[in-house]
Protein backbone atom coordinates (compact mmCIF):
# COMPACT_ATOMS: atom_id res chain seq x y z
CA PHE A 1 -27.39 6.33 32.31
CA PRO A 2 -29.90 4.78 34.66
CA SER A 3 -28.57 4.66 38.18
CA ASP A 4 -30.50 1.78 39.40
CA GLN A 5 -29.01 -1.00 37.07
CA ASP A 6 -28.19 -4.18 38.87
CA HIS A 7 -24.82 -5.65 37.85
CA SER A 8 -24.61 -8.07 40.70
CA LYS A 9 -25.26 -11.09 38.34
CA TYR A 10 -21.74 -10.36 36.82
CA ASP A 11 -19.90 -10.45 40.24
CA GLY A 12 -17.03 -13.03 40.17
CA ASP A 13 -17.45 -13.64 36.47
CA MET A 14 -15.88 -10.49 34.98
CA MET A 15 -13.10 -9.50 37.29
CA PRO A 16 -9.86 -7.42 36.54
CA PRO A 17 -6.96 -9.51 35.25
CA ARG A 18 -5.08 -11.39 38.07
CA SER A 19 -1.99 -11.55 36.00
CA PRO A 20 -0.53 -10.14 32.71
CA MET A 21 -1.91 -13.21 30.86
CA ASP A 22 -5.45 -13.09 32.17
CA MET A 23 -8.28 -12.01 29.91
CA PRO A 24 -10.47 -9.19 31.27
CA TRP A 25 -13.68 -11.01 30.23
CA PRO A 26 -15.46 -14.27 31.33
CA ARG A 27 -12.91 -16.80 32.51
CA ASN A 28 -14.71 -19.65 30.85
CA VAL A 29 -13.70 -18.52 27.34
CA PRO A 30 -10.65 -20.65 26.16
CA LYS A 31 -7.70 -18.55 25.02
CA LYS A 32 -7.82 -20.39 21.64
CA GLU A 33 -11.22 -19.13 20.85
CA VAL A 34 -10.29 -15.50 21.30
CA THR A 35 -9.53 -13.66 18.13
CA PRO A 36 -7.43 -11.81 17.24
CA LEU A 37 -4.24 -13.27 18.96
CA TRP A 38 -1.20 -11.20 18.16
CA GLY A 39 2.30 -12.35 18.42
CA PRO A 40 5.84 -11.24 17.48
CA LYS A 41 5.38 -12.47 13.94
CA ASP A 42 2.24 -10.36 13.39
CA CYS A 43 4.18 -7.35 14.50
CA LYS A 44 6.91 -7.47 11.88
CA ASN A 45 7.11 -4.69 9.30
CA LEU A 46 4.50 -2.50 11.06
CA THR A 47 4.84 1.28 11.48
CA PRO A 48 2.11 2.41 13.74
CA ILE A 49 0.83 5.83 13.21
CA VAL A 50 1.27 6.52 17.01
CA ARG A 51 2.99 5.05 19.98
CA GLY A 52 1.04 4.09 23.12
CA GLY A 53 0.88 5.29 26.68
CA GLU A 54 -0.50 8.31 28.66
CA SER A 55 2.72 10.30 28.31
CA GLU A 56 2.67 10.02 24.58
CA ALA A 57 -0.98 10.91 24.47
CA LEU A 58 -0.56 14.08 26.50
CA ALA A 59 2.37 15.08 24.20
CA VAL A 60 0.28 14.73 21.19
CA LEU A 61 -2.48 16.66 22.87
CA ARG A 62 0.00 19.45 23.83
CA GLN A 63 1.26 19.68 20.25
CA THR A 64 -2.27 19.91 18.88
CA THR A 65 -3.23 22.75 21.21
CA LYS A 66 -0.03 24.64 20.41
CA ARG A 67 -1.93 25.62 17.25
CA PRO A 68 -4.98 27.51 18.52
CA ALA A 69 -6.08 28.59 15.07
CA TYR A 70 -5.96 25.06 13.69
CA VAL A 71 -8.06 23.79 16.76
CA ALA A 72 -10.58 26.68 16.53
CA SER A 73 -11.18 26.34 12.72
CA PHE A 74 -10.95 22.45 12.38
CA GLU A 75 -13.45 21.04 10.15
CA LYS A 76 -13.20 17.19 9.71
CA PRO A 77 -14.65 17.01 6.10
CA LYS A 78 -11.85 19.37 5.04
CA THR A 79 -8.97 17.26 6.18
CA SER A 80 -6.95 15.39 3.76
CA CYS A 81 -7.64 11.70 3.08
CA THR A 82 -4.48 11.51 0.67
CA SER A 83 -1.73 12.60 3.02
CA THR A 84 1.38 10.53 2.68
CA SER A 85 3.44 12.17 5.49
CA GLY A 86 1.31 11.46 8.63
CA ALA A 87 -2.31 11.99 9.64
CA SER A 88 -4.00 15.23 8.58
CA THR A 89 -6.25 14.98 11.79
CA THR A 90 -5.06 15.04 15.35
CA ALA A 91 -4.61 11.17 15.47
CA LEU A 92 -5.70 11.41 19.23
CA SER A 93 -8.41 8.71 18.56
CA PRO A 94 -6.19 5.70 19.53
CA TYR A 95 -5.27 7.23 22.79
CA MET A 96 -8.88 7.91 23.72
CA SER A 97 -10.00 4.39 22.61
CA MET A 98 -7.26 2.69 24.87
CA GLY A 99 -8.02 4.94 27.84
CA CYS A 100 -4.80 7.02 27.79
CA LEU A 101 -6.63 10.17 27.34
CA SER A 102 -10.08 10.96 28.77
CA PRO A 103 -12.78 12.90 26.77
CA ARG A 104 -12.99 15.35 29.46
CA THR A 105 -9.25 16.12 29.30
CA VAL A 106 -9.44 16.60 25.68
CA TRP A 107 -12.51 18.58 25.79
CA HIS A 108 -11.12 21.24 28.25
CA ALA A 109 -7.71 21.41 26.40
CA LEU A 110 -9.55 22.10 23.04
CA THR A 111 -11.77 24.81 24.78
CA GLU A 112 -8.56 26.59 26.09
CA ALA A 113 -6.91 26.45 22.78
CA SER A 114 -9.81 27.71 20.87
CA GLU A 115 -10.09 30.63 23.34
CA ARG A 116 -6.42 31.58 22.47
CA ALA A 117 -7.20 31.72 18.71
CA PRO A 118 -7.05 35.15 17.03
CA ALA A 119 -10.47 36.79 16.57
CA SER A 120 -9.88 36.75 12.83
CA VAL A 121 -10.03 33.08 12.78
CA PRO A 122 -13.40 31.57 11.73
CA LYS A 123 -14.62 29.25 14.49
CA SER A 124 -16.01 25.87 13.39
CA LYS A 125 -18.92 24.42 15.04
CA PRO A 126 -20.28 20.84 15.87
CA PRO A 127 -20.58 18.35 14.35
CA VAL A 128 -17.52 19.09 12.04
CA SER A 129 -15.49 20.85 14.84
CA LEU A 130 -13.17 18.91 17.25
CA HIS A 131 -15.58 19.50 20.03
CA GLY A 132 -18.25 18.04 17.67
CA GLN A 133 -16.17 14.94 17.30
CA LEU A 134 -16.23 14.32 20.94
CA LEU A 135 -19.97 14.72 21.13
CA TRP A 136 -20.44 12.39 18.18
CA ARG A 137 -18.30 9.89 20.20
CA ASP A 138 -20.55 10.19 23.30
CA PHE A 139 -23.53 9.84 21.05
CA ASN A 140 -22.16 6.56 19.71
CA ASN A 141 -21.62 5.20 23.14
CA LEU A 142 -25.17 6.07 24.25
CA ILE A 143 -26.66 4.26 21.24
CA ALA A 144 -24.47 1.23 21.92
CA HIS A 145 -25.58 1.29 25.56
CA ALA A 146 -29.12 1.67 24.67
CA THR A 147 -29.12 -1.11 22.25
CA ASN A 148 -27.62 -3.49 24.82
CA VAL A 149 -30.00 -2.48 27.60
CA ARG A 150 -32.95 -3.33 25.19
CA ASN A 151 -31.46 -6.52 23.82
CA PRO A 152 -28.22 -7.50 25.84
CA GLY A 153 -25.26 -8.31 23.60
CA THR A 154 -26.76 -7.21 20.33
CA TRP A 155 -24.58 -4.15 19.57
CA GLY A 156 -22.22 -5.15 16.69
CA LEU A 157 -24.69 -7.59 15.42
CA MET A 158 -27.60 -7.59 12.76
CA GLU A 159 -29.86 -9.95 14.48
CA GLY A 160 -31.66 -8.53 17.55
CA ASN A 161 -30.12 -5.03 17.07
CA HIS A 162 -32.95 -2.39 17.51
CA TYR A 163 -31.23 0.02 15.37
CA CYS A 164 -30.34 -2.27 12.50
CA ARG A 165 -32.12 -3.04 9.45
CA HIS A 166 -32.07 -6.74 8.28
CA ILE A 167 -30.39 -7.04 4.93
CA PRO A 168 -29.70 -10.46 3.25
CA TRP A 169 -25.94 -9.88 2.68
CA GLY A 170 -23.88 -12.39 0.82
CA ASP A 171 -21.41 -14.87 2.35
CA ASP A 172 -18.38 -15.24 0.00
CA ASP A 173 -15.11 -15.85 1.79
CA ALA A 174 -12.99 -15.25 -1.28
CA LEU A 175 -14.32 -11.80 -1.72
CA LEU A 176 -13.87 -11.00 1.94
CA GLU A 177 -10.24 -12.18 1.86
CA ALA A 178 -9.43 -10.12 -1.14
CA TRP A 179 -10.86 -7.19 0.57
CA LYS A 180 -8.93 -7.78 3.74
CA LYS A 181 -5.63 -8.35 1.93
CA GLY A 182 -6.04 -5.40 -0.36
CA GLU A 183 -6.13 -7.47 -3.51
CA THR A 184 -9.54 -6.18 -4.95
CA GLY A 185 -7.94 -4.93 -8.14
CA TYR A 186 -8.99 -1.33 -7.32
CA PRO A 187 -5.98 0.71 -6.31
CA TRP A 188 -7.65 3.21 -3.96
CA ILE A 189 -9.37 0.51 -2.03
CA ASP A 190 -6.17 -1.61 -1.82
CA ALA A 191 -3.98 1.28 -0.74
CA CYS A 192 -6.32 2.04 2.10
CA MET A 193 -6.27 -1.61 3.23
CA ALA A 194 -2.44 -1.62 3.00
CA GLN A 195 -2.10 1.46 5.07
CA LEU A 196 -4.63 -0.17 7.69
CA ARG A 197 -2.49 -3.32 7.72
CA THR A 198 0.85 -1.29 8.22
CA GLU A 199 -0.14 1.79 10.27
CA GLY A 200 -3.33 0.42 12.06
CA TRP A 201 -5.08 3.55 10.82
CA ILE A 202 -6.85 5.14 7.92
CA HIS A 203 -8.40 8.60 7.37
CA HIS A 204 -12.13 8.52 7.87
CA LEU A 205 -12.86 8.94 4.22
CA GLY A 206 -10.73 6.00 3.51
CA ARG A 207 -12.59 3.98 6.00
CA HIS A 208 -16.03 5.12 4.44
CA ALA A 209 -14.73 4.03 0.85
CA VAL A 210 -13.55 0.43 1.98
CA ALA A 211 -16.64 -0.16 3.97
CA CYS A 212 -19.03 0.88 1.37
CA PHE A 213 -16.95 -1.23 -1.22
CA LEU A 214 -17.30 -4.37 1.07
CA THR A 215 -20.91 -3.91 1.80
CA ARG A 216 -23.71 -2.15 -0.24
CA GLY A 217 -21.32 -0.66 -2.87
CA ASP A 218 -19.62 -3.61 -4.58
CA LEU A 219 -19.08 -6.84 -2.80
CA TRP A 220 -22.36 -7.22 -0.95
CA GLN A 221 -20.75 -8.72 2.13
CA SER A 222 -21.97 -8.23 5.79
CA TRP A 223 -20.78 -5.22 7.67
CA GLU A 224 -20.46 -7.55 10.66
CA LYS A 225 -17.40 -9.08 9.09
CA GLY A 226 -15.91 -5.74 8.03
CA GLN A 227 -16.38 -4.59 11.64
CA LEU A 228 -14.54 -7.53 13.11
CA HIS A 229 -11.59 -6.92 10.79
CA PHE A 230 -11.48 -3.37 11.84
CA GLU A 231 -11.59 -4.31 15.41
CA GLU A 232 -8.49 -6.61 14.69
CA GLU A 233 -6.47 -3.98 12.80
CA LEU A 234 -7.33 -0.45 13.96
CA LEU A 235 -5.38 1.12 16.74
CA ASP A 236 -8.46 3.19 17.66
CA ALA A 237 -10.82 0.30 17.40
CA ASP A 238 -13.68 1.10 19.79
CA TYR A 239 -16.68 -1.10 20.44
CA ALA A 240 -19.29 1.58 20.22
CA LEU A 241 -17.95 3.76 17.43
CA ASN A 242 -16.76 0.85 15.21
CA GLY A 243 -20.22 -0.80 15.43
CA PHE A 244 -22.01 2.64 14.66
CA ASN A 245 -19.80 3.43 11.72
CA TRP A 246 -20.41 0.12 10.04
CA LEU A 247 -24.18 0.39 10.59
CA TRP A 248 -23.95 3.91 9.04
CA LEU A 249 -21.74 3.04 6.05
CA SER A 250 -23.64 -0.05 5.18
CA CYS A 251 -26.89 1.87 5.37
CA SER A 252 -28.09 -0.70 7.86
CA GLY A 253 -28.85 2.02 10.51
CA PHE A 254 -28.94 5.87 10.95
CA PHE A 255 -27.97 6.64 7.41
CA TYR A 256 -30.31 5.50 4.69
CA GLN A 257 -29.41 7.15 1.45
CA TYR A 258 -28.07 3.94 -0.14
CA PHE A 259 -28.29 5.49 -3.64
CA ARG A 260 -25.19 7.59 -2.64
CA CYS A 261 -22.40 5.15 -3.21
CA TYR A 262 -18.61 5.74 -3.06
CA SER A 263 -16.89 5.13 -6.30
CA PRO A 264 -13.69 3.17 -5.84
CA VAL A 265 -12.31 5.10 -8.72
CA ALA A 266 -13.96 8.58 -9.23
CA PHE A 267 -14.14 9.44 -5.50
CA GLN A 268 -10.51 9.68 -4.81
CA LYS A 269 -9.43 11.14 -8.29
CA LYS A 270 -10.65 14.56 -7.33
CA ASN A 271 -8.52 14.57 -4.17
CA ASP A 272 -5.26 13.00 -5.48
CA LYS A 273 -5.29 13.09 -9.34
CA ASN A 274 -1.89 11.71 -9.66
CA GLY A 275 -2.31 9.01 -7.14
CA GLU A 276 0.53 9.75 -4.77
CA TYR A 277 -1.20 7.94 -1.92
CA ILE A 278 -1.48 4.72 -4.17
CA ARG A 279 2.10 5.10 -5.20
CA LYS A 280 3.11 4.98 -1.50
CA TRP A 281 0.98 2.09 -0.34
CA LEU A 282 1.03 0.08 -3.53
CA PRO A 283 4.77 0.62 -4.80
CA GLN A 284 4.15 -2.17 -7.62
CA LEU A 285 2.07 0.58 -9.26
CA LYS A 286 4.35 3.60 -8.62
CA LYS A 287 5.59 3.69 -12.44
CA LEU A 288 1.98 3.91 -13.90
CA PRO A 289 1.14 7.26 -15.56
CA GLY A 290 -1.55 9.22 -13.38
CA LYS A 291 -4.07 8.47 -16.19
CA TYR A 292 -4.20 4.85 -15.26
CA ILE A 293 -3.16 4.86 -11.57
CA TYR A 294 -6.88 4.23 -10.51
CA GLU A 295 -7.70 1.93 -13.23
CA PRO A 296 -4.71 -0.06 -14.30
CA TRP A 297 -6.85 -2.62 -16.24
CA LYS A 298 -7.44 0.20 -18.75
CA ALA A 299 -3.80 0.81 -19.47
CA PRO A 300 -2.49 -0.31 -22.89
CA ALA A 301 -0.20 -3.48 -22.82
CA GLY A 302 2.82 -1.27 -23.67
CA VAL A 303 2.19 1.13 -20.73
CA LEU A 304 1.81 -1.71 -18.39
CA LYS A 305 5.06 -3.24 -19.70
CA ASP A 306 6.98 -0.01 -19.25
CA ALA A 307 5.65 0.19 -15.60
CA GLY A 308 6.72 -3.41 -14.97
CA ILE A 309 3.19 -4.63 -14.32
CA ALA A 310 1.68 -7.94 -15.36
CA LEU A 311 -2.07 -7.74 -14.37
CA GLY A 312 -2.99 -10.86 -12.55
CA LYS A 313 0.49 -11.54 -11.38
CA ASP A 314 2.06 -8.22 -10.14
CA TYR A 315 -1.42 -6.63 -9.35
CA PRO A 316 -4.79 -8.32 -9.52
CA GLU A 317 -7.65 -7.81 -12.03
CA PRO A 318 -10.70 -6.13 -10.46
CA ILE A 319 -12.51 -8.91 -8.61
CA VAL A 320 -15.84 -7.15 -9.42
CA ASP A 321 -17.23 -4.63 -12.03
CA HIS A 322 -18.19 -1.56 -10.18
CA GLN A 323 -21.45 -1.40 -12.24
CA VAL A 324 -22.75 -4.11 -9.89
CA SER A 325 -23.34 -1.24 -7.44
CA LYS A 326 -26.54 -0.32 -9.48
CA GLN A 327 -27.80 -3.84 -8.81
CA ASN A 328 -26.93 -3.66 -5.13
CA MET A 329 -28.93 -0.49 -4.86
CA GLU A 330 -31.91 -2.50 -6.14
CA LYS A 331 -31.19 -5.05 -3.55
CA MET A 332 -31.16 -2.43 -0.79
CA SER A 333 -34.51 -0.85 -2.06
CA PHE A 334 -36.16 -4.40 -1.81
CA ALA A 335 -34.57 -4.96 1.75
CA TYR A 336 -35.93 -1.54 2.73
CA ASP A 337 -39.40 -2.35 1.37
CA LEU A 338 -39.46 -5.60 3.36
CA HIS A 339 -38.32 -3.77 6.47
CA LYS A 340 -41.21 -1.34 6.21
CA GLU A 341 -43.69 -4.10 5.76
CA LYS A 342 -42.27 -5.85 8.80
CA GLN A 343 -42.41 -2.83 10.89
CA ALA A 344 -46.06 -2.13 9.87
CA GLU A 345 -46.91 -5.62 10.83
CA LEU A 346 -45.31 -5.30 14.33
CA ALA A 347 -46.94 -2.03 14.92
CA THR A 348 -50.20 -3.44 13.90
CA ALA A 349 -49.80 -6.40 16.27
CA ALA A 350 -48.55 -4.17 19.09
CA LYS A 351 -51.70 -1.92 18.59
CA LYS A 352 -54.07 -4.92 18.79
CA SER A 353 -52.34 -6.33 21.75
CA SER A 354 -52.50 -2.99 23.54
CA GLY A 355 -56.16 -2.56 22.73
CA THR A 356 -56.98 -6.04 24.05
CA LYS A 357 -55.18 -5.46 27.29
CA ARG A 358 -56.85 -2.02 27.70
CA LYS A 359 -60.31 -3.46 27.13
CA GLY A 360 -59.70 -6.29 29.58
CA GLY A 361 -58.38 -4.03 32.27
CA THR A 362 -61.29 -1.66 32.09
CA GLN A 363 -64.15 -4.16 31.97
CA LYS A 364 -66.43 -3.80 34.90
CA LYS A 365 -68.62 -6.57 36.38
CA SER A 366 -72.51 -6.07 36.18
CA PRO A 367 -73.62 -4.95 39.54
CA GLY A 368 -75.74 -7.50 41.46
CA LYS A 369 -79.06 -6.76 43.01
CA LYS A 370 -78.96 -4.98 46.24
CA LYS A 371 -80.38 -6.78 49.27
CA LYS A 372 -83.42 -5.20 50.91
CA ALA A 373 -82.85 -4.17 54.38
CA THR A 374 -84.63 -6.18 57.01
């Protein structure tokens, strides 16, 4: 990062907390305006996927590096998003986001473990390897920093964010709340949101699915609102990474293949045909046959009755037909076309402005007549 940045204007405004109850941000922000505010009531019935602190973090890191073959051959896309007995990944991210572990410590520990792996073990490479995850993390931080240097405070926002395309998202509080509460009527999506609410964590493919569902896939709601909810609920919530992932998954920035849409039904079926993950996180559906576990609305009345389910009462009807994703793709296409037009206009204006300045800067005055010597 540039070494000549001047942060003196923040002196006295953003100081470390003076007491355990102080907020480590500008003092003129009333506490009642800060969200989320967690209290004892919010912590009931939670089973966090990890416990906090540096000692716990180092213990988890040691356990991970005790398996050199696992470390050396790790490929993130091959990890399980349907595990019902703990995370299929290292679960080190909460410790890194909270500062309990430094990226450098993790990097060297992984390097040492990889070197101990048997020669017969195939070595994975970035970006899918564990080292690749650290590199991706730093890239996210760099992009967030670059955004805020260019337009201060715009990371995590659509307006003014240099890397974000402007998309006219909808604004429906009922749809947003149903998504937050895991009451969309799509079991795979709702199970993910139930795990998030209970453990403060979801596998990255689960995050992909619920983010796509909220934004460009089905509900057409702003990624900014999804980002804020993840910020409240995720144990590994990270300012730079969270914002980057929501830009990516909503196809607002960096990833633009909006025609590739996660199905809230078919995508997970291939990973967990019998729906064991759903049965764990949505126990009201545990008696449903595997044939209907992803689409309970298709189950015959007799099957629902035998499973003890009354749709609309024990479990909601789908709040949207997934076929709407095709319409949303058309909306994305239109938004992209508008973005291209706007970028072309800005480029033309910038070119004209540059040409005018160059012309004005190089213009010479006509030489006057020389005086004759006397």
